[in-house]
Amino acid sequence: MALHLFDIPAWLHSAWPHMVAALTVLISVLASAHAVLHKRDVRAAVAWVGLAWLVPVLGGVLYVLLGINRIRRRARSLMLKEEHGRFLPAPEVAPMKAEALSQPHPEAAPLAPLVRLGDAVVGVPLLPGNRITVLESRRDAYPAMLEAIDAARVSISLCSYIFDNDLAGRRFVEALGAAVQRGVEVRVLVDAVGSRYTWPPILGRLRRAGVRAARFLPSLMPYRLPFANLRNHRKLLVVDGRVGFTGGMNIRKHFWPGEHAAVDLHFRVDGPLVGQLQETFAEDWAFTTRERLSGEAWFPPLSAAGGVLARGIADGPDEDFETLRTVLLGALATARTSVRIITPYFLPDTALITALSVAALRGIQVDILLPEKGNLPVVQWATYAQLWQVLRPGCRIFLTAPPFDHTKLMVVDGVWSLIGSANWDPRSLRLNFEFNVECYDAALASELEGVIAARLRNARPLTMAQVDARSLPARLRDGLARLLSPYL
């Protein structure tokens, strides 16, 4: 009898099911062991272990792709090669200490413990002498940013999670390309996942315009996968090292000024705080490209420009892990009269839910504004499943009517404000790289309270009775979506 080239030995034919079973168990064991040893959150560890065993092989593969933080190793290797210390020179103004807070800002004196907390966990000083200008997406945010780019003479640094290849993106490319033609040094950093929201990505157009651009953490994940981990969600623009912009706005036509634009806020920054924006960009750029930005072209001396005390809060899944979450907990514990929050996504963890509830039970007026119709249905379902936890202790929920409100804002006691890129969800507070700014200034807080009041005129309250009145299928759907909250 002739032998066939592809005949399978009898022993292998009978043993292969046992080999596959052993390999399946090994993958589940390895994924579970890594999660148990390295996940800080018990719930996340339990969720990944459960997924590894309940969905054999696929669960382990998903853990390798989505659950392992590879940032720390790469960041540490880069830091070992860095011999020049911090990017940002010492500020021109003296940092504000908690003990001296009552002299220039007596209304902020009760928040001195929050200043001490920030000094301890953030790692950068609280700086006086800043001016923060509020910009609305529908009116003046993009025009102000483009005007600053058009006026650039030395350098431009721009970081955005999403930079679409559309009407808005092409207008920014034109402005950046014109700056390059004038001899301006331009650097653009776009998140690798965020760059794929349009096709072809904007990177090719930027490079053809002569702009030096890079992608943050290029990923092999499928096109438009919205929940890949470890993304750079920061929104930063610094012009000539002296004028900064930050907030919640990506670069896409949805935010182009007009009555149909999405609702969001952005902020122009003048003063010493701009150096902290620039340093955050420079660290991300060095991490991505290994090019170090230094000198007065990027870090010029910065003098006082206003009366706002402010500090940049860089947060991410590396050395800055849960920095922002700690500040949020501190702000809620320090509040004496009011807490007002606008966020597009609201999936706080147990500690934040407890802090919000305790604030309400202490008699603090806690108002939370959420979009009536979100752009991510699963996230909105999960949100509804846990709203009772903050409604029952006395927090007030308001739903803002369409269009979708992408604003991220928090105001405490009419004095302290938090602006920036982070949402109230696990992705922003644990998995993404974010940048926010804490501000101590009653005038700025009053202006932002006015923004909140305007939102409330187009909102309706959501009551505990309405949450309880959801149909059984809706409650089951929302509850099942909530089980995915560690991954959302």
Protein backbone atom coordinates (compact mmCIF):
# COMPACT_ATOMS: atom_id res chain seq x y z
CA MET A 1 0.00 0.00 0.00
CA ALA A 2 1.41 3.38 -1.01
CA LEU A 3 2.15 5.92 1.75
CA HIS A 4 0.39 9.26 1.48
CA LEU A 5 2.49 12.35 2.14
CA PHE A 6 -0.07 13.77 4.53
CA ASP A 7 -0.96 10.62 6.49
CA ILE A 8 -1.37 11.42 10.18
CA PRO A 9 0.26 9.01 12.64
CA ALA A 10 -2.25 7.06 14.66
CA TRP A 11 -0.86 8.30 17.99
CA LEU A 12 -1.22 11.92 16.90
CA HIS A 13 -4.73 11.31 15.60
CA SER A 14 -5.82 10.07 19.02
CA ALA A 15 -3.74 12.57 21.08
CA TRP A 16 -4.54 15.87 19.39
CA PRO A 17 -7.81 16.52 21.34
CA HIS A 18 -5.85 16.14 24.58
CA MET A 19 -3.13 18.48 23.30
CA VAL A 20 -5.70 21.12 22.33
CA ALA A 21 -7.36 20.79 25.74
CA ALA A 22 -4.01 21.14 27.51
CA LEU A 23 -3.14 24.22 25.43
CA THR A 24 -6.54 25.76 26.18
CA VAL A 25 -6.07 25.25 29.90
CA LEU A 26 -2.51 26.63 29.73
CA ILE A 27 -3.70 29.83 27.99
CA SER A 28 -6.43 30.33 30.60
CA VAL A 29 -3.98 29.68 33.46
CA LEU A 30 -1.38 32.12 32.10
CA ALA A 31 -3.93 34.88 31.44
CA SER A 32 -5.50 34.37 34.88
CA ALA A 33 -2.15 34.39 36.65
CA HIS A 34 -1.08 37.61 34.91
CA ALA A 35 -4.38 39.32 35.77
CA VAL A 36 -4.18 38.24 39.41
CA LEU A 37 -0.60 39.48 39.74
CA HIS A 38 -0.86 42.76 37.84
CA LYS A 39 -4.44 44.11 37.93
CA ARG A 40 -4.85 46.71 40.70
CA ASP A 41 -8.65 46.67 40.60
CA VAL A 42 -10.10 43.48 42.08
CA ARG A 43 -13.20 43.75 39.89
CA ALA A 44 -11.09 44.03 36.74
CA ALA A 45 -9.00 41.03 37.80
CA VAL A 46 -12.12 38.96 38.47
CA ALA A 47 -13.65 40.00 35.15
CA TRP A 48 -10.56 39.04 33.15
CA VAL A 49 -10.13 35.73 35.01
CA GLY A 50 -13.79 34.92 34.36
CA LEU A 51 -13.44 35.79 30.69
CA ALA A 52 -10.31 33.66 30.35
CA TRP A 53 -12.13 30.57 31.67
CA LEU A 54 -15.64 31.13 30.35
CA VAL A 55 -14.45 31.94 26.82
CA PRO A 56 -11.45 29.62 26.41
CA VAL A 57 -8.61 30.77 24.15
CA LEU A 58 -10.53 33.81 22.91
CA GLY A 59 -10.66 35.20 26.44
CA GLY A 60 -6.91 34.79 26.80
CA VAL A 61 -6.28 36.39 23.42
CA LEU A 62 -8.52 39.36 24.33
CA TYR A 63 -6.62 39.76 27.59
CA VAL A 64 -3.29 39.88 25.74
CA LEU A 65 -4.65 42.45 23.29
CA LEU A 66 -6.68 44.63 25.64
CA GLY A 67 -5.80 43.85 29.23
CA ILE A 68 -2.01 44.16 29.48
CA ASN A 69 -0.46 47.57 30.08
CA ARG A 70 2.65 47.73 27.90
CA ILE A 71 3.12 51.45 28.43
CA ARG A 72 5.14 51.29 31.64
CA ARG A 73 7.87 49.08 30.17
CA ARG A 74 8.32 51.29 27.10
CA ALA A 75 8.15 54.51 29.12
CA ARG A 76 10.71 53.21 31.60
CA SER A 77 13.12 52.19 28.83
CA LEU A 78 12.83 55.66 27.32
CA MET A 79 13.43 57.34 30.67
CA LEU A 80 16.60 55.33 31.23
CA LYS A 81 18.03 56.86 28.08
CA GLU A 82 16.98 60.38 29.05
CA GLU A 83 19.80 62.27 30.75
CA HIS A 84 18.50 65.83 30.69
CA GLY A 85 15.77 65.77 33.35
CA ARG A 86 12.46 67.57 32.90
CA PHE A 87 11.51 69.31 29.68
CA LEU A 88 10.07 72.39 31.37
CA PRO A 89 12.44 74.91 32.97
CA ALA A 90 11.53 76.40 36.36
CA PRO A 91 8.51 78.74 35.99
CA GLU A 92 9.00 82.50 36.07
CA VAL A 93 6.37 82.85 38.80
CA ALA A 94 6.53 81.33 42.28
CA PRO A 95 4.20 78.34 42.76
CA MET A 96 1.22 78.86 45.06
CA LYS A 97 1.28 76.95 48.33
CA ALA A 98 -1.81 75.99 50.31
CA GLU A 99 -0.74 78.11 53.27
CA ALA A 100 -0.74 81.29 51.15
CA LEU A 101 -3.98 80.60 49.28
CA SER A 102 -6.16 82.88 51.42
CA GLN A 103 -4.20 86.06 50.62
CA PRO A 104 -4.77 86.43 46.87
CA HIS A 105 -7.90 84.25 46.77
CA PRO A 106 -9.78 84.40 50.10
CA GLU A 107 -12.83 82.73 48.56
CA ALA A 108 -10.66 79.67 47.86
CA ALA A 109 -9.21 79.38 51.37
CA PRO A 110 -11.50 76.45 52.37
CA LEU A 111 -10.04 74.51 49.44
CA ALA A 112 -6.50 74.59 50.82
CA PRO A 113 -6.63 70.82 51.57
CA LEU A 114 -7.33 70.23 47.87
CA VAL A 115 -4.20 72.23 46.99
CA ARG A 116 -2.16 70.04 49.35
CA LEU A 117 -3.61 66.94 47.72
CA GLY A 118 -2.68 68.21 44.27
CA ASP A 119 0.84 69.03 45.43
CA ALA A 120 1.19 65.48 46.73
CA VAL A 121 -0.19 63.47 43.81
CA VAL A 122 0.06 65.53 40.62
CA GLY A 123 3.77 66.29 40.65
CA VAL A 124 3.62 69.79 39.12
CA PRO A 125 3.06 73.09 40.96
CA LEU A 126 -0.08 75.19 41.19
CA LEU A 127 0.81 78.35 39.27
CA PRO A 128 -0.66 81.86 39.57
CA GLY A 129 -0.96 84.41 36.80
CA ASN A 130 -3.02 82.57 34.19
CA ARG A 131 -5.87 83.65 31.95
CA ILE A 132 -8.41 81.02 30.86
CA THR A 133 -10.74 81.97 28.01
CA VAL A 134 -13.88 79.85 27.51
CA LEU A 135 -14.54 78.84 23.89
CA GLU A 136 -17.75 77.26 22.58
CA SER A 137 -17.63 74.68 19.80
CA ARG A 138 -20.56 76.22 17.96
CA ARG A 139 -19.13 79.69 17.99
CA ASP A 140 -15.45 80.42 18.44
CA ALA A 141 -13.30 77.41 19.40
CA TYR A 142 -11.95 76.40 15.99
CA PRO A 143 -11.66 80.02 14.76
CA ALA A 144 -9.57 80.91 17.81
CA MET A 145 -7.29 77.91 17.33
CA LEU A 146 -6.83 78.58 13.62
CA GLU A 147 -6.16 82.27 14.28
CA ALA A 148 -3.40 81.33 16.73
CA ILE A 149 -1.88 78.88 14.22
CA ASP A 150 -1.95 81.56 11.51
CA ALA A 151 -0.09 83.93 13.88
CA ALA A 152 2.61 81.38 14.82
CA ARG A 153 6.19 82.49 14.26
CA VAL A 154 8.37 79.89 15.99
CA SER A 155 6.68 76.60 16.91
CA ILE A 156 3.38 74.72 16.97
CA SER A 157 2.63 71.51 18.87
CA LEU A 158 -0.73 69.81 18.40
CA CYS A 159 -2.07 66.63 20.00
CA SER A 160 -5.53 65.24 19.30
CA TYR A 161 -7.23 61.91 19.84
CA ILE A 162 -9.30 62.27 16.65
CA PHE A 163 -8.02 64.29 13.68
CA ASP A 164 -10.42 63.52 10.85
CA ASN A 165 -9.70 63.79 7.15
CA ASP A 166 -12.74 65.99 6.51
CA LEU A 167 -13.67 69.66 6.18
CA ALA A 168 -12.34 70.61 9.61
CA GLY A 169 -9.24 68.43 9.40
CA ARG A 170 -8.26 69.76 5.98
CA ARG A 171 -8.64 73.35 7.19
CA PHE A 172 -6.24 72.66 10.04
CA VAL A 173 -3.81 70.95 7.64
CA GLU A 174 -3.85 74.04 5.42
CA ALA A 175 -3.07 76.30 8.38
CA LEU A 176 -0.32 74.01 9.67
CA GLY A 177 1.19 73.62 6.20
CA ALA A 178 1.22 77.40 5.74
CA ALA A 179 3.02 77.71 9.07
CA VAL A 180 5.68 75.25 7.86
CA GLN A 181 6.14 77.36 4.74
CA ARG A 182 6.77 80.38 7.00
CA GLY A 183 9.57 78.49 8.73
CA VAL A 184 7.61 77.48 11.85
CA GLU A 185 8.61 74.21 13.55
CA VAL A 186 5.43 72.09 13.63
CA ARG A 187 4.82 68.79 15.42
CA VAL A 188 1.48 66.93 15.31
CA LEU A 189 0.66 63.84 17.36
CA VAL A 190 -2.51 61.86 16.61
CA ASP A 191 -3.66 58.76 18.41
CA ALA A 192 -3.32 55.70 16.19
CA VAL A 193 -6.89 54.52 16.81
CA GLY A 194 -8.36 58.03 16.64
CA SER A 195 -6.65 58.63 13.30
CA ARG A 196 -8.74 55.84 11.75
CA TYR A 197 -12.15 57.42 12.23
CA THR A 198 -11.92 58.58 8.59
CA TRP A 199 -10.24 56.91 5.64
CA PRO A 200 -7.66 57.58 4.40
CA PRO A 201 -6.16 58.88 7.66
CA ILE A 202 -5.11 62.52 7.91
CA LEU A 203 -1.42 61.60 8.44
CA GLY A 204 -0.69 61.37 4.73
CA ARG A 205 -2.20 64.78 4.04
CA LEU A 206 -0.21 66.29 6.92
CA ARG A 207 3.07 64.87 5.66
CA ARG A 208 2.40 66.05 2.11
CA ALA A 209 1.93 69.53 3.58
CA GLY A 210 5.40 69.29 5.12
CA VAL A 211 4.11 68.79 8.67
CA ARG A 212 6.06 66.43 10.89
CA ALA A 213 3.38 64.11 12.27
CA ALA A 214 3.33 60.85 14.20
CA ARG A 215 0.83 58.30 15.51
CA PHE A 216 0.68 57.50 19.22
CA LEU A 217 0.97 53.76 19.87
CA PRO A 218 0.23 52.34 16.42
CA SER A 219 -2.18 49.46 16.86
CA LEU A 220 -2.97 46.28 14.95
CA MET A 221 -6.58 46.43 16.14
CA PRO A 222 -9.36 46.31 13.55
CA TYR A 223 -10.40 49.45 11.78
CA ARG A 224 -12.51 51.78 13.89
CA LEU A 225 -12.39 49.59 17.00
CA PRO A 226 -13.60 52.22 19.50
CA PHE A 227 -12.51 50.58 22.73
CA ALA A 228 -8.82 49.76 22.25
CA ASN A 229 -6.86 50.44 25.41
CA LEU A 230 -4.05 52.86 26.22
CA ARG A 231 -5.13 55.62 23.87
CA ASN A 232 -3.91 59.22 23.94
CA HIS A 233 -7.16 61.09 24.55
CA ARG A 234 -5.47 64.46 25.22
CA LYS A 235 -6.34 67.59 23.28
CA LEU A 236 -3.43 70.05 23.31
CA LEU A 237 -2.37 72.92 21.08
CA VAL A 238 0.54 75.20 21.97
CA VAL A 239 1.66 78.04 19.70
CA ASP A 240 5.12 79.61 20.08
CA GLY A 241 5.27 78.10 23.54
CA ARG A 242 3.14 81.01 24.80
CA VAL A 243 -0.49 80.38 23.82
CA GLY A 244 -2.22 77.13 24.68
CA PHE A 245 -5.54 75.43 23.99
CA THR A 246 -7.02 72.43 25.74
CA GLY A 247 -10.41 70.95 26.52
CA GLY A 248 -12.64 68.26 25.11
CA MET A 249 -12.75 68.96 21.37
CA ASN A 250 -11.28 66.70 18.73
CA ILE A 251 -10.65 67.95 15.20
CA ARG A 252 -13.59 66.89 13.07
CA LYS A 253 -16.44 68.49 11.15
CA HIS A 254 -18.94 67.60 13.90
CA PHE A 255 -17.53 70.56 15.85
CA TRP A 256 -17.29 73.03 12.96
CA PRO A 257 -19.07 76.24 14.06
CA GLY A 258 -22.73 76.41 13.18
CA GLU A 259 -26.17 75.55 14.49
CA HIS A 260 -25.78 71.86 13.66
CA ALA A 261 -22.41 71.43 15.39
CA ALA A 262 -21.98 69.13 18.38
CA VAL A 263 -21.85 70.91 21.73
CA ASP A 264 -18.51 71.13 23.52
CA LEU A 265 -16.13 73.48 25.29
CA HIS A 266 -12.51 74.30 24.66
CA PHE A 267 -10.24 76.77 26.44
CA ARG A 268 -7.49 79.19 25.50
CA VAL A 269 -4.69 79.39 28.07
CA ASP A 270 -2.25 82.26 28.57
CA GLY A 271 0.35 82.45 31.31
CA PRO A 272 2.75 80.05 33.08
CA LEU A 273 0.31 77.13 32.77
CA VAL A 274 1.12 76.95 29.05
CA GLY A 275 4.47 75.44 29.98
CA GLN A 276 2.72 72.48 31.60
CA LEU A 277 0.67 71.90 28.43
CA GLN A 278 3.86 72.01 26.39
CA GLU A 279 5.73 69.68 28.71
CA THR A 280 2.95 67.10 28.50
CA PHE A 281 3.07 67.26 24.71
CA ALA A 282 6.89 67.06 24.69
CA GLU A 283 6.84 63.92 26.86
CA ASP A 284 4.29 62.23 24.58
CA TRP A 285 6.25 63.29 21.50
CA ALA A 286 9.54 61.99 22.90
CA PHE A 287 7.83 58.75 23.88
CA THR A 288 6.49 58.32 20.34
CA THR A 289 9.38 59.62 18.20
CA ARG A 290 12.35 59.85 20.62
CA GLU A 291 12.84 63.46 19.54
CA ARG A 292 13.36 65.82 22.48
CA LEU A 293 11.83 69.29 22.14
CA SER A 294 13.83 71.86 24.08
CA GLY A 295 14.96 75.46 24.05
CA GLU A 296 13.08 78.74 23.91
CA ALA A 297 11.38 77.84 20.64
CA TRP A 298 9.29 75.38 22.66
CA PHE A 299 9.75 76.61 26.25
CA PRO A 300 10.11 80.41 26.36
CA PRO A 301 9.92 82.37 29.64
CA LEU A 302 6.26 82.84 30.61
CA SER A 303 5.09 85.79 32.65
CA ALA A 304 1.75 86.37 34.36
CA ALA A 305 -1.23 87.03 32.06
CA GLY A 306 -4.22 86.92 34.43
CA GLY A 307 -5.43 86.04 37.89
CA VAL A 308 -6.30 82.34 37.67
CA LEU A 309 -4.46 79.80 39.82
CA ALA A 310 -4.15 76.65 37.72
CA ARG A 311 -2.38 73.33 37.48
CA GLY A 312 -2.22 70.81 34.65
CA ILE A 313 -3.14 67.23 35.58
CA ALA A 314 -1.63 64.66 33.23
CA ASP A 315 -3.25 61.29 33.85
CA GLY A 316 -2.61 57.90 32.29
CA PRO A 317 -2.05 54.18 32.80
CA ASP A 318 1.65 54.65 33.57
CA GLU A 319 3.38 56.67 36.30
CA ASP A 320 0.35 59.02 36.47
CA PHE A 321 -2.11 56.17 37.15
CA GLU A 322 -5.37 57.36 38.79
CA THR A 323 -3.98 60.83 39.51
CA LEU A 324 -7.14 62.50 38.22
CA ARG A 325 -9.40 60.06 40.07
CA THR A 326 -7.63 60.96 43.32
CA VAL A 327 -8.15 64.67 42.64
CA LEU A 328 -11.85 64.07 41.92
CA LEU A 329 -12.24 62.23 45.20
CA GLY A 330 -10.47 65.09 46.99
CA ALA A 331 -12.69 67.71 45.37
CA LEU A 332 -15.85 65.86 46.38
CA ALA A 333 -14.58 65.47 49.94
CA THR A 334 -13.65 69.17 50.17
CA ALA A 335 -16.90 70.57 48.71
CA ARG A 336 -18.99 72.66 51.12
CA THR A 337 -21.97 73.92 49.10
CA SER A 338 -22.21 72.65 45.53
CA VAL A 339 -20.82 70.22 42.96
CA ARG A 340 -21.85 70.56 39.32
CA ILE A 341 -20.73 68.12 36.65
CA ILE A 342 -21.20 67.89 32.89
CA THR A 343 -19.95 64.72 31.21
CA PRO A 344 -20.94 62.79 28.06
CA TYR A 345 -20.16 59.40 29.65
CA PHE A 346 -20.95 58.59 33.28
CA LEU A 347 -19.71 55.25 34.59
CA PRO A 348 -18.00 56.13 37.89
CA ASP A 349 -16.51 53.34 39.95
CA THR A 350 -17.66 52.40 43.45
CA ALA A 351 -15.36 54.90 45.19
CA LEU A 352 -16.58 57.83 43.08
CA ILE A 353 -20.22 56.79 43.47
CA THR A 354 -19.70 56.68 47.23
CA ALA A 355 -18.00 60.10 47.21
CA LEU A 356 -20.87 61.64 45.21
CA SER A 357 -23.42 60.03 47.53
CA VAL A 358 -21.64 61.15 50.69
CA ALA A 359 -21.44 64.71 49.33
CA ALA A 360 -25.20 64.71 48.70
CA LEU A 361 -25.92 63.24 52.12
CA ARG A 362 -23.79 65.99 53.70
CA GLY A 363 -26.18 68.51 52.20
CA ILE A 364 -24.07 69.44 49.18
CA GLN A 365 -26.11 70.19 46.07
CA VAL A 366 -24.78 67.69 43.50
CA ASP A 367 -25.99 68.26 39.93
CA ILE A 368 -24.95 65.93 37.11
CA LEU A 369 -25.77 66.81 33.49
CA LEU A 370 -25.77 63.96 30.95
CA PRO A 371 -26.84 63.78 27.29
CA GLU A 372 -30.40 62.59 26.82
CA LYS A 373 -29.27 60.69 23.72
CA GLY A 374 -25.70 59.40 23.77
CA ASN A 375 -23.58 58.41 20.81
CA LEU A 376 -22.60 55.02 22.32
CA PRO A 377 -25.77 53.06 23.19
CA VAL A 378 -24.03 50.36 25.26
CA VAL A 379 -22.39 53.00 27.44
CA GLN A 380 -25.71 54.79 27.92
CA TRP A 381 -27.45 51.53 28.87
CA ALA A 382 -24.73 50.80 31.44
CA THR A 383 -25.12 54.34 32.79
CA TYR A 384 -28.85 53.92 33.37
CA ALA A 385 -28.21 50.69 35.25
CA GLN A 386 -26.33 52.52 38.01
CA LEU A 387 -27.98 55.94 38.16
CA TRP A 388 -30.11 54.82 41.11
CA GLN A 389 -26.94 54.67 43.20
CA VAL A 390 -26.49 58.45 43.00
CA LEU A 391 -30.17 59.43 42.73
CA ARG A 392 -31.22 57.68 45.92
CA PRO A 393 -28.81 59.60 48.21
CA GLY A 394 -29.98 62.90 46.71
CA CYS A 395 -27.82 63.72 43.69
CA ARG A 396 -29.78 65.39 40.88
CA ILE A 397 -29.55 64.14 37.29
CA PHE A 398 -30.46 66.31 34.30
CA LEU A 399 -30.67 65.11 30.70
CA THR A 400 -29.69 67.65 28.05
CA ALA A 401 -31.64 67.57 24.79
CA PRO A 402 -29.88 66.88 21.45
CA PRO A 403 -27.54 67.68 19.84
CA PHE A 404 -25.07 65.47 21.68
CA ASP A 405 -23.22 67.35 24.42
CA HIS A 406 -19.54 66.33 24.54
CA THR A 407 -18.62 68.80 27.31
CA LYS A 408 -16.43 67.74 30.26
CA LEU A 409 -16.70 70.17 33.16
CA MET A 410 -16.82 70.22 36.96
CA VAL A 411 -17.34 73.21 39.28
CA VAL A 412 -17.11 73.00 43.09
CA ASP A 413 -18.40 75.69 45.49
CA GLY A 414 -18.37 78.30 42.73
CA VAL A 415 -14.57 78.57 43.08
CA TRP A 416 -12.78 75.44 41.83
CA SER A 417 -13.16 74.26 38.24
CA LEU A 418 -11.91 71.22 36.36
CA ILE A 419 -11.66 71.39 32.58
CA GLY A 420 -10.07 69.08 30.04
CA SER A 421 -10.39 65.81 28.15
CA ALA A 422 -11.42 63.18 30.72
CA ASN A 423 -14.86 61.60 31.04
CA TRP A 424 -16.34 60.01 34.18
CA ASP A 425 -15.73 56.46 33.02
CA PRO A 426 -13.15 53.69 33.50
CA ARG A 427 -11.57 54.34 30.13
CA SER A 428 -10.67 57.94 30.93
CA LEU A 429 -9.82 57.38 34.59
CA ARG A 430 -7.80 54.16 34.18
CA LEU A 431 -6.89 53.35 30.58
CA ASN A 432 -6.45 56.54 28.55
CA PHE A 433 -3.85 59.30 28.61
CA GLU A 434 -5.77 62.44 29.57
CA PHE A 435 -5.01 66.08 30.34
CA ASN A 436 -7.12 68.25 32.61
CA VAL A 437 -6.64 71.57 34.36
CA GLU A 438 -7.74 72.46 37.88
CA CYS A 439 -8.48 76.15 38.33
CA TYR A 440 -8.97 78.21 41.50
CA ASP A 441 -10.80 81.38 40.51
CA ALA A 442 -14.30 82.59 41.40
CA ALA A 443 -14.69 84.67 38.22
CA LEU A 444 -13.89 81.73 35.94
CA ALA A 445 -16.11 79.43 38.00
CA SER A 446 -18.95 81.96 37.73
CA GLU A 447 -18.57 82.02 33.95
CA LEU A 448 -18.65 78.23 33.84
CA GLU A 449 -21.69 78.20 36.13
CA GLY A 450 -23.32 80.35 33.47
CA VAL A 451 -22.51 77.69 30.87
CA ILE A 452 -24.10 75.07 33.13
CA ALA A 453 -27.17 77.25 33.64
CA ALA A 454 -27.54 77.57 29.87
CA ARG A 455 -27.36 73.79 29.53
CA LEU A 456 -30.00 73.38 32.24
CA ARG A 457 -32.45 75.55 30.30
CA ASN A 458 -32.40 72.85 27.63
CA ALA A 459 -32.54 69.89 30.01
CA ARG A 460 -35.08 67.87 31.96
CA PRO A 461 -34.63 66.27 35.39
CA LEU A 462 -34.43 62.50 35.64
CA THR A 463 -36.10 61.18 38.77
CA MET A 464 -35.77 57.97 40.72
CA ALA A 465 -39.36 57.12 39.79
CA GLN A 466 -38.55 57.40 36.08
CA VAL A 467 -35.51 55.15 36.45
CA ASP A 468 -37.59 52.56 38.32
CA ALA A 469 -40.35 52.77 35.70
CA ARG A 470 -38.18 51.28 32.94
CA SER A 471 -39.57 48.05 31.52
CA LEU A 472 -38.13 44.73 32.63
CA PRO A 473 -36.45 44.12 29.22
CA ALA A 474 -34.84 47.56 29.42
CA ARG A 475 -33.59 46.96 32.96
CA LEU A 476 -32.15 43.59 31.97
CA ARG A 477 -30.47 45.12 28.91
CA ASP A 478 -29.00 47.93 31.01
CA GLY A 479 -27.86 45.54 33.72
CA LEU A 480 -26.10 43.31 31.22
CA ALA A 481 -24.42 46.37 29.68
CA ARG A 482 -23.25 47.39 33.16
CA LEU A 483 -21.37 44.10 33.46
CA LEU A 484 -19.21 45.33 30.58
CA SER A 485 -18.31 48.58 32.40
CA PRO A 486 -14.69 47.46 33.14
CA TYR A 487 -14.21 47.25 29.37
CA LEU A 488 -16.15 50.40 28.43
